[in-house]
């Protein structure tokens, strides 16, 4: 069987990672890998070009990771507070969702995609929760979320009763 060596331009499951030189059957390489741009022939020039490409990608990933770590540090210093209507038992009438958290972060100048906010279920109880935010390059930030009950609901009946007593006199 005739084989050939190719340089993978992208990660290919069951074959190898980007930049690896692998030996494949000639027909598989010529008819599938090369036309789709998944691999190129493993020549000296292509190997040199891939090394240069790897250095550029590594430098770019390093910059992205540093930016993500800086953003994570700033996000972790944040404490988000939500005041919602709640029942006597502390259960919210509504819920605090990842969309609400993303909006609050955007109001503070942090643009975070709501899908990156790890919230198993919407927050439906009064209390404090820690929420993870997944940033590029595997960096994870944690944000403290405090949900409080709205105090206006308890004061409103007392204020309504006071004018009624004045009117009776």
Protein backbone atom coordinates (compact mmCIF):
# COMPACT_ATOMS: atom_id res chain seq x y z
CA UNK A 1 0.00 0.00 0.00
CA UNK A 2 1.25 3.40 -0.94
CA UNK A 3 1.34 5.98 1.84
CA UNK A 4 2.17 9.65 2.05
CA UNK A 5 3.05 12.10 4.77
CA UNK A 6 0.82 15.13 5.24
CA UNK A 7 0.88 18.11 7.56
CA UNK A 8 -2.48 18.69 9.28
CA UNK A 9 -3.74 22.27 8.99
CA UNK A 10 -6.59 21.68 11.43
CA UNK A 11 -7.41 19.25 14.22
CA UNK A 12 -8.87 16.04 12.85
CA UNK A 13 -10.48 13.50 15.17
CA UNK A 14 -8.77 10.08 15.11
CA UNK A 15 -5.95 11.47 12.98
CA UNK A 16 -4.11 14.21 14.88
CA UNK A 17 -3.80 17.82 15.95
CA UNK A 18 -2.95 20.92 13.94
CA UNK A 19 0.69 20.97 12.89
CA UNK A 20 1.29 17.23 13.21
CA UNK A 21 2.86 15.24 10.40
CA UNK A 22 0.92 12.03 9.90
CA UNK A 23 1.21 9.13 7.51
CA UNK A 24 -1.99 8.32 5.60
CA UNK A 25 -2.94 6.20 2.62
CA UNK A 26 -2.25 7.98 -0.63
CA UNK A 27 -5.88 7.93 -1.79
CA UNK A 28 -7.21 9.32 1.51
CA UNK A 29 -4.70 12.15 1.45
CA UNK A 30 -5.06 12.99 -2.26
CA UNK A 31 -8.85 12.62 -2.52
CA UNK A 32 -10.05 13.83 0.89
CA UNK A 33 -7.53 15.68 3.05
CA UNK A 34 -5.73 17.82 0.44
CA UNK A 35 -8.80 19.06 -1.54
CA UNK A 36 -10.64 20.09 1.64
CA UNK A 37 -7.64 22.00 2.99
CA UNK A 38 -7.44 19.81 6.07
CA UNK A 39 -3.84 18.90 5.23
CA UNK A 40 -0.98 19.84 2.91
CA UNK A 41 1.96 17.79 1.74
CA UNK A 42 4.66 17.56 4.39
CA UNK A 43 7.37 19.43 2.47
CA UNK A 44 10.18 21.39 4.07
CA UNK A 45 8.57 24.71 3.04
CA UNK A 46 5.14 23.76 4.40
CA UNK A 47 6.69 22.59 7.69
CA UNK A 48 8.54 25.91 8.04
CA UNK A 49 5.36 27.85 7.24
CA UNK A 50 3.39 25.83 9.83
CA UNK A 51 5.97 26.56 12.53
CA UNK A 52 5.69 30.27 11.76
CA UNK A 53 1.87 30.02 11.84
CA UNK A 54 2.00 28.19 15.21
CA UNK A 55 4.17 30.95 16.72
CA UNK A 56 1.74 33.63 15.55
CA UNK A 57 -1.28 31.72 16.88
CA UNK A 58 0.47 31.05 20.22
CA UNK A 59 1.27 34.76 20.63
CA UNK A 60 -2.32 35.71 19.82
CA UNK A 61 -3.68 33.13 22.30
CA UNK A 62 -1.32 34.47 24.97
CA UNK A 63 -2.67 38.03 24.48
CA UNK A 64 -6.25 36.77 24.62
CA UNK A 65 -5.53 34.81 27.82
CA UNK A 66 -3.95 37.85 29.51
CA UNK A 67 -6.95 39.99 28.54
CA UNK A 68 -9.33 37.30 29.84
CA UNK A 69 -7.48 37.04 33.15
CA UNK A 70 -7.60 40.83 33.57
CA UNK A 71 -11.34 40.84 32.80
CA UNK A 72 -11.86 37.94 35.25
CA UNK A 73 -10.11 39.90 38.00
CA UNK A 74 -12.36 42.92 37.36
CA UNK A 75 -15.52 40.79 37.16
CA UNK A 76 -14.70 38.92 40.37
CA UNK A 77 -14.61 42.24 42.22
CA UNK A 78 -18.23 42.92 41.22
CA UNK A 79 -21.22 42.27 43.45
CA UNK A 80 -24.54 42.41 41.64
CA UNK A 81 -27.66 43.21 43.63
CA UNK A 82 -31.19 42.56 42.43
CA UNK A 83 -34.26 43.75 44.33
CA UNK A 84 -37.29 41.70 43.34
CA UNK A 85 -40.81 41.13 44.60
CA UNK A 86 -40.93 38.11 46.89
CA UNK A 87 -43.40 36.25 49.04
CA UNK A 88 -43.21 35.82 52.80
CA UNK A 89 -41.18 32.62 52.47
CA UNK A 90 -38.48 34.34 50.37
CA UNK A 91 -39.57 32.88 47.06
CA UNK A 92 -39.47 35.38 44.21
CA UNK A 93 -42.58 36.04 42.13
CA UNK A 94 -40.32 36.18 39.09
CA UNK A 95 -36.72 35.05 38.66
CA UNK A 96 -33.24 36.43 38.09
CA UNK A 97 -31.87 34.92 34.87
CA UNK A 98 -28.58 35.01 33.00
CA UNK A 99 -30.09 37.74 30.80
CA UNK A 100 -30.64 39.93 33.89
CA UNK A 101 -27.07 39.30 35.03
CA UNK A 102 -25.70 40.13 31.56
CA UNK A 103 -27.73 43.38 31.48
CA UNK A 104 -26.46 44.41 34.91
CA UNK A 105 -22.87 43.69 33.89
CA UNK A 106 -23.39 45.67 30.65
CA UNK A 107 -24.68 48.60 32.70
CA UNK A 108 -21.39 48.47 34.62
CA UNK A 109 -19.35 48.40 31.41
CA UNK A 110 -18.69 44.66 31.06
CA UNK A 111 -19.91 43.12 27.80
CA UNK A 112 -20.49 39.46 28.61
CA UNK A 113 -22.49 37.13 26.39
CA UNK A 114 -25.37 35.59 28.36
CA UNK A 115 -24.48 32.09 27.15
CA UNK A 116 -21.14 32.39 28.94
CA UNK A 117 -22.88 32.90 32.30
CA UNK A 118 -23.13 29.52 34.03
CA UNK A 119 -26.48 29.46 35.77
CA UNK A 120 -28.02 25.99 36.17
CA UNK A 121 -31.49 27.40 36.80
CA UNK A 122 -32.90 30.91 37.22
CA UNK A 123 -32.54 32.29 40.76
CA UNK A 124 -35.96 32.09 42.43
CA UNK A 125 -34.97 32.54 46.07
CA UNK A 126 -33.80 35.51 48.10
CA UNK A 127 -30.16 35.12 49.05
CA UNK A 128 -26.57 35.23 47.85
CA UNK A 129 -25.21 33.09 45.02
CA UNK A 130 -21.88 32.83 43.25
CA UNK A 131 -22.16 32.66 39.46
CA UNK A 132 -19.39 31.55 37.10
CA UNK A 133 -18.68 33.37 33.85
CA UNK A 134 -16.67 31.46 31.25
CA UNK A 135 -14.23 33.66 29.34
CA UNK A 136 -11.96 32.81 26.37
CA UNK A 137 -8.97 30.50 26.88
CA UNK A 138 -10.60 28.60 29.73
CA UNK A 139 -10.54 31.51 32.17
CA UNK A 140 -13.43 31.48 34.66
CA UNK A 141 -14.59 34.52 36.66
CA UNK A 142 -16.92 34.32 39.65
CA UNK A 143 -19.44 37.06 40.38
CA UNK A 144 -21.39 37.40 43.61
CA UNK A 145 -25.14 37.85 42.99
CA UNK A 146 -27.32 39.08 45.85
CA UNK A 147 -31.12 38.83 45.51
CA UNK A 148 -33.12 40.85 48.04
CA UNK A 149 -36.85 41.10 48.65
CA UNK A 150 -38.53 44.35 47.72
CA UNK A 151 -39.23 46.33 50.93
CA UNK A 152 -41.95 48.54 49.42
CA UNK A 153 -44.57 45.78 49.55
CA UNK A 154 -44.41 45.56 53.37
CA UNK A 155 -44.58 49.35 53.91
CA UNK A 156 -47.44 50.04 51.49
CA UNK A 157 -50.29 48.59 53.66
CA UNK A 158 -49.09 50.52 56.75
CA UNK A 159 -49.08 53.80 54.80
CA UNK A 160 -52.53 53.08 53.37
CA UNK A 161 -53.95 52.46 56.88
CA UNK A 162 -52.66 55.76 58.30
CA UNK A 163 -54.73 58.11 56.08
CA UNK A 164 -57.86 56.06 56.75
CA UNK A 165 -57.52 56.72 60.51
CA UNK A 166 -57.07 60.45 59.92
CA UNK A 167 -60.22 60.55 57.80
CA UNK A 168 -62.26 58.82 60.57
CA UNK A 169 -61.51 61.59 63.06
